[in-house]
Amino acid sequence: MNQRKKFTAICSLALFAAASVTATSSAVARDSIEVVGSSTVYPFSTVVAERYGRSSGKPTPKIESTGSGGGMKLFCGGVGTKYPDITNSSRRIKASEFQQCQDNGVKEIIEVQIGFDGIVIANSVEAELLNLDRKDIFLALAAKVPGPNAGELIDNPYKTWRDVNPALPDTAIEVLGPPPTSGTRDAFAELGMEGGCKKFDWIAALKSSDKSRYKSVCHTIREDGAYIEAGENDNLIVQKLEANPEALGVFGFSFLDQNADKVQGSMIESVAPTFDSIADKSYPISRPLFFYVKKAHVGVVPGIAGYLNEFTSEKAWGEEGYLAEKGMIPLPTKMRRAMAENTRNLVPMTGKEALK
């Protein structure tokens, strides 16, 4: 090789190496934690992130509200800094989502249950306070409801709450709620809709004989305008309820707690949604809250361990912690301590949890 060709080859190698270094640097050049997921968990994780940023002197974690389903999709996309480190969820990870994570190389996932939340069906403080049965909720919002003949399902004919139950107001059924990507929507379907659906014995029997049909009947919400998808922004629902006192809205207890001067939570089977009734599980529509962490990112993206320590500290999620002040219902003490220990030791879930 003559000197000119040798020089050209050396320059080319040098340029290639420089390009490789630049590409590698950009792939790992993230010094802040990225969190996606549930709009319900969003305000809790935001305040933890702000506290952690102030106390540690490190970049405040970036929290994005994408909904539980949307967050899981992003989280399970893969390992590496172009993917989120943590996803919040207002329901437990589904078996299908856990498998998607495994298929994409997200092998070790730490599940952290942070507390409980109630799902409220609220209206303006200017309107009449309602006392709803879960059967009322199902009949008002299901796509198909029992017809006049035994074992028959018909398209939902009900237009007003009084059509559903003579004890309720003669106002149009208009409910603002989250979209299918939301964990609140999933939990509302499971705890509220299905809770009323299975009060019909012949439908309840389908759970053993035809589980897919049972779920379809109990969880499918009508699409004729009575239920209005209002996106992942629960604050927007609160604003719309202020503007329309006859409408109802579905969202987490923390938003009711923070907006008690504007909206009120309907009683469900004569139990009001309160901190105590959700904590002792007497309120019928309550659910656990979670977040999930990629173990592979701990130690790679700076600060994840510190953020986890802040979130699972008693000053944050304890009975007198700042998250309780925001409306989150803490775990029982024994369970909270065990969860904190597992989280700090980065104990991954086995996958069996997703099947519960």
Protein backbone atom coordinates (compact mmCIF):
# COMPACT_ATOMS: atom_id res chain seq x y z
CA MET A 1 0.00 0.00 0.00
CA ASN A 2 1.51 3.40 -1.03
CA GLN A 3 1.70 6.23 1.50
CA ARG A 4 -1.29 8.10 0.04
CA LYS A 5 -3.60 5.06 0.23
CA LYS A 6 -2.31 4.22 3.70
CA PHE A 7 -3.04 7.79 4.88
CA THR A 8 -6.56 7.66 3.36
CA ALA A 9 -7.27 4.33 5.08
CA ILE A 10 -6.08 5.65 8.45
CA CYS A 11 -8.29 8.75 8.09
CA SER A 12 -11.31 6.62 7.21
CA LEU A 13 -10.77 4.41 10.27
CA ALA A 14 -10.39 7.46 12.47
CA LEU A 15 -13.64 8.99 11.16
CA PHE A 16 -15.48 5.67 11.65
CA ALA A 17 -14.20 5.38 15.21
CA ALA A 18 -15.23 8.96 15.98
CA ALA A 19 -18.70 8.35 14.56
CA SER A 20 -19.03 5.18 16.63
CA VAL A 21 -18.02 6.99 19.82
CA THR A 22 -20.52 9.77 19.09
CA ALA A 23 -23.34 7.28 18.45
CA THR A 24 -22.53 5.35 21.61
CA SER A 25 -22.35 8.52 23.68
CA SER A 26 -25.76 9.68 22.46
CA ALA A 27 -27.23 6.27 23.28
CA VAL A 28 -26.19 6.53 26.94
CA ALA A 29 -26.35 10.31 27.29
CA ARG A 30 -29.32 10.39 29.68
CA ASP A 31 -28.71 11.59 33.18
CA SER A 32 -32.33 11.77 34.36
CA ILE A 33 -34.88 9.09 35.15
CA GLU A 34 -37.82 8.70 32.75
CA VAL A 35 -41.18 7.58 34.14
CA VAL A 36 -44.36 6.98 32.10
CA GLY A 37 -47.80 5.50 32.79
CA SER A 38 -50.90 6.01 34.89
CA SER A 39 -52.55 9.41 35.19
CA THR A 40 -53.75 8.37 38.67
CA VAL A 41 -50.23 7.62 39.93
CA TYR A 42 -48.82 10.65 38.09
CA PRO A 43 -49.39 13.24 40.86
CA PHE A 44 -47.85 10.94 43.47
CA SER A 45 -44.75 10.16 41.42
CA THR A 46 -44.42 13.84 40.50
CA VAL A 47 -44.21 14.98 44.10
CA VAL A 48 -41.72 12.18 44.90
CA ALA A 49 -39.62 13.23 41.89
CA GLU A 50 -39.61 16.87 43.01
CA ARG A 51 -38.63 15.96 46.57
CA TYR A 52 -35.92 13.61 45.35
CA GLY A 53 -34.52 16.22 42.95
CA ARG A 54 -34.34 18.87 45.70
CA SER A 55 -32.83 16.63 48.38
CA SER A 56 -30.32 14.79 46.17
CA GLY A 57 -29.15 17.64 43.97
CA LYS A 58 -29.60 15.34 40.97
CA PRO A 59 -31.84 15.99 37.95
CA THR A 60 -35.53 15.75 38.80
CA PRO A 61 -36.99 12.61 37.18
CA LYS A 62 -39.17 13.28 34.12
CA ILE A 63 -42.73 12.05 34.73
CA GLU A 64 -45.12 11.62 31.78
CA SER A 65 -48.82 10.70 31.97
CA THR A 66 -49.57 8.20 29.19
CA GLY A 67 -52.16 5.96 30.87
CA SER A 68 -51.39 2.55 32.37
CA GLY A 69 -51.76 0.66 29.09
CA GLY A 70 -49.75 3.18 27.10
CA GLY A 71 -47.05 3.20 29.75
CA MET A 72 -46.76 -0.59 29.73
CA LYS A 73 -46.36 -0.58 25.97
CA LEU A 74 -43.51 1.94 26.15
CA PHE A 75 -41.89 0.24 29.14
CA CYS A 76 -41.98 -3.20 27.54
CA GLY A 77 -40.52 -1.90 24.27
CA GLY A 78 -36.99 -2.89 25.26
CA VAL A 79 -33.92 -2.26 27.40
CA GLY A 80 -31.74 0.81 26.83
CA THR A 81 -31.90 4.50 27.45
CA LYS A 82 -34.34 5.20 24.62
CA TYR A 83 -36.93 3.28 26.68
CA PRO A 84 -38.48 4.41 30.00
CA ASP A 85 -36.96 3.24 33.27
CA ILE A 86 -40.20 3.06 35.24
CA THR A 87 -43.90 2.83 34.43
CA ASN A 88 -46.73 3.78 36.79
CA SER A 89 -49.89 1.70 36.77
CA SER A 90 -53.29 1.92 38.44
CA ARG A 91 -53.67 -1.84 37.97
CA ARG A 92 -51.39 -4.85 38.12
CA ILE A 93 -49.39 -5.72 35.01
CA LYS A 94 -51.28 -8.13 32.73
CA ALA A 95 -49.87 -11.54 31.82
CA SER A 96 -49.78 -10.48 28.16
CA GLU A 97 -47.80 -7.35 29.04
CA PHE A 98 -45.35 -9.31 31.18
CA GLN A 99 -44.80 -11.66 28.25
CA GLN A 100 -44.30 -8.74 25.87
CA CYS A 101 -41.61 -7.42 28.21
CA GLN A 102 -39.89 -10.83 28.26
CA ASP A 103 -40.04 -11.10 24.46
CA ASN A 104 -38.38 -7.68 24.12
CA GLY A 105 -35.57 -8.43 26.56
CA VAL A 106 -37.06 -6.72 29.61
CA LYS A 107 -36.37 -9.75 31.77
CA GLU A 108 -36.12 -8.53 35.35
CA ILE A 109 -38.97 -6.29 36.48
CA ILE A 110 -39.42 -5.00 40.01
CA GLU A 111 -43.08 -4.62 41.00
CA VAL A 112 -43.79 -1.99 43.66
CA GLN A 113 -47.29 -1.69 45.11
CA ILE A 114 -47.42 1.80 46.57
CA GLY A 115 -50.87 2.00 48.15
CA PHE A 116 -54.58 2.03 47.37
CA ASP A 117 -56.98 4.32 45.57
CA GLY A 118 -60.75 4.46 45.20
CA ILE A 119 -62.51 5.04 41.91
CA VAL A 120 -65.16 7.66 42.37
CA ILE A 121 -68.22 8.53 40.33
CA ALA A 122 -68.49 12.22 41.02
CA ASN A 123 -70.64 15.18 40.11
CA SER A 124 -70.69 18.90 40.81
CA VAL A 125 -71.25 20.04 44.39
CA GLU A 126 -74.14 22.04 42.91
CA ALA A 127 -75.94 18.79 41.95
CA GLU A 128 -77.79 16.17 43.98
CA LEU A 129 -75.55 13.66 45.77
CA LEU A 130 -76.26 10.20 44.37
CA ASN A 131 -76.33 6.81 46.07
CA LEU A 132 -75.59 4.25 43.37
CA ASP A 133 -75.61 0.48 43.45
CA ARG A 134 -73.04 -1.28 41.25
CA LYS A 135 -76.05 -2.80 39.48
CA ASP A 136 -77.15 0.76 38.58
CA ILE A 137 -73.70 1.47 37.17
CA PHE A 138 -73.77 -1.65 35.02
CA LEU A 139 -77.29 -1.04 33.70
CA ALA A 140 -76.49 2.62 32.94
CA LEU A 141 -73.23 2.06 31.09
CA ALA A 142 -73.05 -1.47 29.66
CA ALA A 143 -73.34 -1.94 25.91
CA LYS A 144 -75.66 -4.93 26.41
CA VAL A 145 -78.08 -5.42 29.29
CA PRO A 146 -80.57 -8.14 30.25
CA GLY A 147 -83.77 -8.00 28.22
CA PRO A 148 -87.35 -8.92 29.18
CA ASN A 149 -86.84 -12.61 28.40
CA ALA A 150 -84.70 -14.91 30.57
CA GLY A 151 -81.12 -15.20 29.31
CA GLU A 152 -81.61 -12.45 26.73
CA LEU A 153 -79.24 -9.54 26.13
CA ILE A 154 -80.34 -6.39 24.31
CA ASP A 155 -78.71 -3.11 23.27
CA ASN A 156 -78.81 -0.74 26.22
CA PRO A 157 -82.13 1.17 25.99
CA TYR A 158 -81.73 3.32 29.11
CA LYS A 159 -81.60 7.07 28.59
CA THR A 160 -81.97 8.45 32.13
CA TRP A 161 -80.87 7.37 35.60
CA ARG A 162 -84.54 6.98 36.55
CA ASP A 163 -84.92 4.45 33.70
CA VAL A 164 -82.26 2.39 35.48
CA ASN A 165 -83.61 2.84 39.01
CA PRO A 166 -86.83 4.71 39.97
CA ALA A 167 -85.05 6.08 43.07
CA LEU A 168 -82.55 8.00 40.95
CA PRO A 169 -83.00 11.43 39.30
CA ASP A 170 -84.74 11.86 35.97
CA THR A 171 -81.59 13.18 34.30
CA ALA A 172 -79.85 11.93 31.19
CA ILE A 173 -77.09 9.37 31.63
CA GLU A 174 -73.93 11.30 30.80
CA VAL A 175 -70.68 9.98 32.24
CA LEU A 176 -67.24 11.39 31.47
CA GLY A 177 -64.49 8.81 31.93
CA PRO A 178 -61.09 7.53 30.89
CA PRO A 179 -60.26 5.75 27.59
CA PRO A 180 -59.41 2.03 27.19
CA THR A 181 -55.67 2.71 27.65
CA SER A 182 -56.31 3.84 31.22
CA GLY A 183 -55.84 1.63 34.28
CA THR A 184 -58.72 3.53 35.86
CA ARG A 185 -60.95 2.36 33.01
CA ASP A 186 -59.78 -1.26 33.51
CA ALA A 187 -60.38 -1.12 37.25
CA PHE A 188 -63.74 0.62 36.82
CA ALA A 189 -64.85 -2.12 34.42
CA GLU A 190 -63.68 -4.88 36.74
CA LEU A 191 -64.83 -3.47 40.08
CA GLY A 192 -67.76 -1.26 39.14
CA MET A 193 -69.28 -2.69 35.97
CA GLU A 194 -68.58 -6.36 36.69
CA GLY A 195 -69.54 -5.83 40.33
CA GLY A 196 -73.06 -4.97 39.13
CA CYS A 197 -73.13 -7.38 36.20
CA LYS A 198 -72.61 -10.47 38.35
CA LYS A 199 -75.65 -9.59 40.44
CA PHE A 200 -77.63 -11.17 37.60
CA ASP A 201 -77.33 -14.88 38.43
CA TRP A 202 -77.48 -16.15 34.86
CA ILE A 203 -74.70 -13.78 33.78
CA ALA A 204 -72.60 -14.70 36.83
CA ALA A 205 -72.93 -18.36 35.78
CA LEU A 206 -71.25 -17.51 32.46
CA LYS A 207 -67.96 -16.99 34.30
CA SER A 208 -67.68 -20.76 34.66
CA SER A 209 -69.23 -21.83 31.35
CA ASP A 210 -68.05 -19.09 28.95
CA LYS A 211 -65.49 -16.79 30.54
CA SER A 212 -64.80 -14.71 27.41
CA ARG A 213 -68.51 -13.97 26.91
CA TYR A 214 -68.89 -13.17 30.60
CA LYS A 215 -66.07 -10.62 30.41
CA SER A 216 -67.43 -9.15 27.19
CA VAL A 217 -70.89 -8.65 28.69
CA CYS A 218 -69.64 -7.25 32.00
CA HIS A 219 -66.80 -5.03 30.77
CA THR A 220 -68.01 -3.59 27.45
CA ILE A 221 -69.12 0.02 27.83
CA ARG A 222 -71.79 1.49 25.57
CA GLU A 223 -70.70 3.73 22.68
CA ASP A 224 -73.90 5.65 21.97
CA GLY A 225 -72.87 8.87 23.72
CA ALA A 226 -73.91 8.07 27.30
CA TYR A 227 -70.26 7.41 28.18
CA ILE A 228 -67.84 10.04 26.90
CA GLU A 229 -64.12 9.32 26.76
CA ALA A 230 -62.42 12.35 28.24
CA GLY A 231 -58.77 11.38 27.79
CA GLU A 232 -56.15 10.77 30.44
CA ASN A 233 -56.47 14.21 32.07
CA ASP A 234 -58.62 13.85 35.19
CA ASN A 235 -58.42 17.59 35.85
CA LEU A 236 -60.25 18.13 32.56
CA ILE A 237 -63.11 15.90 33.80
CA VAL A 238 -63.36 17.99 36.97
CA GLN A 239 -63.62 21.16 34.87
CA LYS A 240 -66.37 19.64 32.71
CA LEU A 241 -68.37 18.58 35.77
CA GLU A 242 -68.23 22.16 37.04
CA ALA A 243 -69.63 23.33 33.70
CA ASN A 244 -72.35 20.64 33.56
CA PRO A 245 -73.85 19.78 36.97
CA GLU A 246 -75.99 17.00 35.48
CA ALA A 247 -72.99 15.00 34.24
CA LEU A 248 -70.98 12.46 36.23
CA GLY A 249 -67.25 11.74 36.01
CA VAL A 250 -65.07 8.71 36.74
CA PHE A 251 -61.61 9.26 38.26
CA GLY A 252 -59.37 8.43 41.21
CA PHE A 253 -60.07 9.45 44.80
CA SER A 254 -57.02 11.72 44.96
CA PHE A 255 -58.61 14.06 42.38
CA LEU A 256 -61.80 14.16 44.44
CA ASP A 257 -59.74 14.88 47.56
CA GLN A 258 -57.88 17.72 45.83
CA ASN A 259 -61.08 19.23 44.34
CA ALA A 260 -63.57 18.79 47.19
CA ASP A 261 -64.73 22.39 46.76
CA LYS A 262 -65.86 21.63 43.20
CA VAL A 263 -67.01 17.99 43.04
CA GLN A 264 -68.52 15.35 45.32
CA GLY A 265 -68.21 11.57 45.15
CA SER A 266 -71.39 9.52 44.82
CA MET A 267 -72.03 6.99 47.56
CA ILE A 268 -71.69 3.42 46.32
CA GLU A 269 -74.11 1.07 48.09
CA SER A 270 -74.44 3.68 50.86
CA VAL A 271 -70.67 3.99 51.42
CA ALA A 272 -69.02 7.33 50.70
CA PRO A 273 -65.56 7.40 49.08
CA THR A 274 -63.33 8.54 51.94
CA PHE A 275 -59.73 7.94 53.03
CA ASP A 276 -60.94 5.59 55.79
CA SER A 277 -63.53 3.66 53.73
CA ILE A 278 -60.96 2.94 51.01
CA ALA A 279 -58.31 1.97 53.58
CA ASP A 280 -60.62 -0.50 55.34
CA LYS A 281 -62.00 -1.74 51.98
CA SER A 282 -65.62 -0.99 52.86
CA TYR A 283 -65.85 1.25 49.80
CA PRO A 284 -66.74 -1.19 46.98
CA ILE A 285 -64.70 0.31 44.13
CA SER A 286 -61.11 0.48 45.36
CA ARG A 287 -57.89 -0.80 43.80
CA PRO A 288 -54.13 -1.10 44.41
CA LEU A 289 -51.62 1.23 42.74
CA PHE A 290 -48.23 0.16 41.37
CA PHE A 291 -45.10 1.12 39.55
CA TYR A 292 -42.67 -1.16 37.71
CA VAL A 293 -38.90 -0.75 37.39
CA LYS A 294 -36.39 -2.20 34.91
CA LYS A 295 -33.63 -3.76 37.01
CA ALA A 296 -31.29 -3.56 33.99
CA HIS A 297 -31.47 0.26 34.14
CA VAL A 298 -30.54 0.53 37.82
CA GLY A 299 -26.93 1.70 38.00
CA VAL A 300 -26.95 2.67 34.33
CA VAL A 301 -29.32 5.64 34.47
CA PRO A 302 -28.17 7.66 37.50
CA GLY A 303 -30.47 8.07 40.47
CA ILE A 304 -32.97 5.21 40.10
CA ALA A 305 -31.98 3.61 43.43
CA GLY A 306 -32.25 6.99 45.14
CA TYR A 307 -35.70 7.63 43.65
CA LEU A 308 -36.87 4.20 44.84
CA ASN A 309 -35.53 4.89 48.32
CA GLU A 310 -37.39 8.21 48.42
CA PHE A 311 -40.67 6.69 47.23
CA THR A 312 -40.54 3.80 49.71
CA SER A 313 -39.51 5.94 52.68
CA GLU A 314 -41.94 6.41 55.56
CA LYS A 315 -41.79 10.19 55.06
CA ALA A 316 -43.26 9.61 51.58
CA TRP A 317 -45.63 6.64 51.64
CA GLY A 318 -46.11 6.17 55.40
CA GLU A 319 -49.37 6.76 57.24
CA GLU A 320 -48.29 10.32 58.03
CA GLY A 321 -46.31 10.74 54.81
CA TYR A 322 -46.62 13.46 52.21
CA LEU A 323 -48.31 11.09 49.71
CA ALA A 324 -51.16 10.48 52.17
CA GLU A 325 -51.63 14.26 52.23
CA LYS A 326 -52.07 14.05 48.44
CA GLY A 327 -54.86 11.47 48.78
CA MET A 328 -53.02 8.15 48.45
CA ILE A 329 -54.14 5.48 50.93
CA PRO A 330 -51.04 3.79 52.43
CA LEU A 331 -50.43 0.05 52.56
CA PRO A 332 -50.75 -1.67 55.96
CA THR A 333 -47.53 -1.26 57.97
CA LYS A 334 -46.32 -4.86 57.68
CA MET A 335 -46.97 -4.99 53.96
CA ARG A 336 -45.35 -1.58 53.46
CA ARG A 337 -42.17 -2.61 55.23
CA ALA A 338 -41.88 -5.85 53.26
CA MET A 339 -42.47 -3.99 49.98
CA ALA A 340 -39.82 -1.40 50.87
CA GLU A 341 -37.27 -4.13 51.63
CA ASN A 342 -37.97 -5.99 48.36
CA THR A 343 -37.73 -2.76 46.38
CA ARG A 344 -34.44 -1.66 47.90
CA ASN A 345 -33.01 -5.15 47.36
CA LEU A 346 -34.23 -5.00 43.72
CA VAL A 347 -36.11 -8.30 43.99
CA PRO A 348 -37.70 -8.99 40.56
CA MET A 349 -41.20 -10.36 40.11
CA THR A 350 -41.54 -13.95 38.89
CA GLY A 351 -44.43 -13.46 36.46
CA LYS A 352 -46.90 -15.35 38.65
CA GLU A 353 -48.01 -12.00 40.07
CA ALA A 354 -49.37 -10.96 36.65
CA LEU A 355 -51.65 -13.99 36.63
CA LYS A 356 -53.43 -13.03 39.87
